[in-house]
Amino acid sequence: MATPDRPGFVLPLLLLAGFRTLIDDLHAELARQGHPELRPAHGFVLQAVGPAGTTASDLGQRLGVSKQAAGKTVDRLVALGYLERADDPADARRKLVRMTAKGHDGLRRSAVVFDELRDRWAATLGPERVAAIEDDLCRMVPSDVFRLDVPGWFSG
């Protein structure tokens, strides 16, 4: 039950602040490792593109944004060298969006940095507390926790 010293709105703000702290720390480290142009939304895009690539339309659906918004982000990530457009071998009329070596490197480094950040939280809070937080969130969060449509959800 919410109390005056712990009103209900504090929990989502703390969860968001924890997320923001992790993401800000991730991007600071990625910048130090040679990826200063990557932004938080770019990680969702790279994940949504996936190892096999996708079309701009499918990318927009996965991200919960319009095809035009997805295309704009793809243009930016192509210009930065993280994505490329290529002919679809299954359908010459379609273009695929695929990750470049730089895109794969950014995702690989992100995974390593996230592990390091989790270790940092465990060093501060204790490994048991971090595991308990994760377990508790798994109990409360729907099973499709790893949805990629956060950019569209935030802006929609």
Protein backbone atom coordinates (compact mmCIF):
# COMPACT_ATOMS: atom_id res chain seq x y z
CA MET A 1 0.00 0.00 0.00
CA ALA A 2 1.31 3.45 -0.93
CA THR A 3 2.08 5.67 2.03
CA PRO A 4 2.78 9.42 2.32
CA ASP A 5 6.51 8.74 2.60
CA ARG A 6 6.39 6.31 -0.38
CA PRO A 7 3.71 7.54 -2.81
CA GLY A 8 2.91 5.29 -5.76
CA PHE A 9 4.48 7.52 -8.38
CA VAL A 10 7.94 7.13 -6.84
CA LEU A 11 8.38 3.48 -7.92
CA PRO A 12 8.14 4.09 -11.69
CA LEU A 13 10.36 7.15 -11.37
CA LEU A 14 13.01 5.14 -9.51
CA LEU A 15 12.81 2.31 -12.06
CA LEU A 16 13.18 4.83 -14.88
CA ALA A 17 16.07 6.55 -13.07
CA GLY A 18 17.81 3.20 -12.62
CA PHE A 19 17.34 2.44 -16.32
CA ARG A 20 18.57 5.91 -17.26
CA THR A 21 21.63 5.54 -15.03
CA LEU A 22 22.57 2.24 -16.65
CA ILE A 23 22.00 3.58 -20.18
CA ASP A 24 23.92 6.81 -19.52
CA ASP A 25 26.83 4.82 -18.05
CA LEU A 26 26.71 2.42 -21.03
CA HIS A 27 26.90 5.25 -23.55
CA ALA A 28 29.69 7.02 -21.70
CA GLU A 29 31.73 3.82 -21.88
CA LEU A 30 30.80 3.16 -25.52
CA ALA A 31 32.01 6.68 -26.34
CA ARG A 32 35.33 5.90 -24.65
CA GLN A 33 35.54 2.70 -26.70
CA GLY A 34 35.10 4.43 -30.05
CA HIS A 35 31.32 4.72 -30.42
CA PRO A 36 30.58 8.32 -29.34
CA GLU A 37 27.77 8.76 -31.85
CA LEU A 38 25.59 5.88 -30.59
CA ARG A 39 22.44 7.05 -28.80
CA PRO A 40 20.05 5.07 -26.59
CA ALA A 41 17.44 4.70 -29.35
CA HIS A 42 20.10 3.31 -31.68
CA GLY A 43 20.49 0.22 -29.51
CA PHE A 44 16.81 -0.61 -29.98
CA VAL A 45 17.21 -0.14 -33.74
CA LEU A 46 20.29 -2.36 -33.96
CA GLN A 47 18.53 -5.06 -31.94
CA ALA A 48 15.44 -4.78 -34.14
CA VAL A 49 17.51 -5.07 -37.33
CA GLY A 50 18.98 -8.31 -35.98
CA PRO A 51 21.65 -10.51 -37.53
CA ALA A 52 19.65 -11.34 -40.68
CA GLY A 53 18.58 -7.78 -41.47
CA THR A 54 15.08 -6.49 -42.12
CA THR A 55 13.12 -4.06 -44.26
CA ALA A 56 12.35 -0.48 -43.20
CA SER A 57 8.65 -1.36 -42.95
CA ASP A 58 9.30 -4.35 -40.68
CA LEU A 59 11.75 -2.27 -38.66
CA GLY A 60 9.10 0.39 -38.08
CA GLN A 61 6.65 -2.26 -36.88
CA ARG A 62 9.20 -3.81 -34.53
CA LEU A 63 10.02 -0.39 -33.06
CA GLY A 64 6.42 0.82 -32.91
CA VAL A 65 7.16 3.80 -35.15
CA SER A 66 6.17 4.77 -38.69
CA LYS A 67 8.07 3.51 -41.71
CA GLN A 68 9.17 7.11 -42.28
CA ALA A 69 10.52 7.46 -38.73
CA ALA A 70 12.33 4.13 -39.04
CA GLY A 71 13.74 5.23 -42.41
CA LYS A 72 15.05 8.46 -40.92
CA THR A 73 16.84 6.58 -38.15
CA VAL A 74 18.21 4.08 -40.67
CA ASP A 75 19.52 6.99 -42.77
CA ARG A 76 21.33 8.34 -39.73
CA LEU A 77 22.82 4.96 -38.80
CA VAL A 78 23.87 4.35 -42.42
CA ALA A 79 25.62 7.74 -42.42
CA LEU A 80 27.37 6.79 -39.17
CA GLY A 81 28.44 3.41 -40.58
CA TYR A 82 26.36 1.16 -38.29
CA LEU A 83 23.86 0.00 -40.92
CA GLU A 84 23.81 -0.53 -44.66
CA ARG A 85 21.10 -0.97 -47.26
CA ALA A 86 21.40 -3.96 -49.58
CA ASP A 87 19.31 -5.71 -52.20
CA ASP A 88 17.14 -8.50 -50.82
CA PRO A 89 18.33 -11.74 -52.47
CA ALA A 90 14.79 -13.15 -52.16
CA ASP A 91 13.07 -10.14 -53.78
CA ALA A 92 14.96 -7.69 -56.01
CA ARG A 93 12.26 -5.03 -55.44
CA ARG A 94 13.01 -4.85 -51.72
CA LYS A 95 15.91 -3.36 -49.84
CA LEU A 96 17.22 -4.91 -46.66
CA VAL A 97 18.69 -2.98 -43.79
CA ARG A 98 21.66 -4.84 -42.31
CA MET A 99 24.21 -4.20 -39.63
CA THR A 100 27.77 -3.47 -40.67
CA ALA A 101 30.83 -4.69 -38.82
CA LYS A 102 30.71 -1.42 -36.87
CA GLY A 103 27.09 -2.11 -35.88
CA HIS A 104 27.96 -5.61 -34.71
CA ASP A 105 30.90 -4.20 -32.78
CA GLY A 106 28.68 -1.65 -31.04
CA LEU A 107 26.22 -4.36 -29.97
CA ARG A 108 29.01 -6.71 -28.85
CA ARG A 109 30.62 -3.96 -26.78
CA SER A 110 27.21 -3.03 -25.31
CA ALA A 111 26.73 -6.59 -24.06
CA VAL A 112 30.15 -6.57 -22.39
CA VAL A 113 29.57 -3.14 -20.82
CA PHE A 114 26.14 -4.19 -19.52
CA ASP A 115 27.81 -7.15 -17.78
CA GLU A 116 30.36 -4.76 -16.26
CA LEU A 117 27.62 -2.39 -15.11
CA ARG A 118 25.70 -5.23 -13.50
CA ASP A 119 28.91 -6.25 -11.72
CA ARG A 120 29.32 -2.65 -10.51
CA TRP A 121 25.77 -2.66 -9.10
CA ALA A 122 26.49 -6.04 -7.45
CA ALA A 123 29.67 -4.64 -5.90
CA THR A 124 27.67 -1.76 -4.41
CA LEU A 125 24.42 -3.50 -3.45
CA GLY A 126 25.67 -7.07 -3.12
CA PRO A 127 25.18 -9.83 -5.66
CA GLU A 128 22.23 -11.26 -3.71
CA ARG A 129 20.36 -7.93 -3.78
CA VAL A 130 20.90 -7.48 -7.52
CA ALA A 131 19.72 -11.04 -8.15
CA ALA A 132 16.70 -10.39 -5.89
CA ILE A 133 15.84 -7.20 -7.80
CA GLU A 134 16.05 -9.11 -11.09
CA ASP A 135 13.93 -11.96 -9.69
CA ASP A 136 11.33 -9.55 -8.34
CA LEU A 137 11.13 -7.67 -11.64
CA CYS A 138 10.74 -10.98 -13.50
CA ARG A 139 7.74 -11.74 -11.29
CA MET A 140 6.14 -8.35 -11.98
CA VAL A 141 6.99 -7.75 -15.65
CA PRO A 142 5.10 -9.51 -18.47
CA SER A 143 6.94 -12.29 -20.24
CA ASP A 144 7.53 -10.12 -23.35
CA VAL A 145 9.92 -7.95 -21.32
CA PHE A 146 12.37 -7.56 -24.19
CA ARG A 147 10.04 -5.64 -26.47
CA LEU A 148 11.80 -3.35 -28.89
CA ASP A 149 8.94 -0.90 -29.39
CA VAL A 150 10.05 1.40 -26.56
CA PRO A 151 10.94 4.26 -28.96
CA GLY A 152 7.40 4.25 -30.35
CA TRP A 153 5.86 3.74 -26.91
CA PHE A 154 7.71 6.74 -25.47
CA SER A 155 6.85 9.02 -28.37
CA GLY A 156 3.34 7.70 -29.02
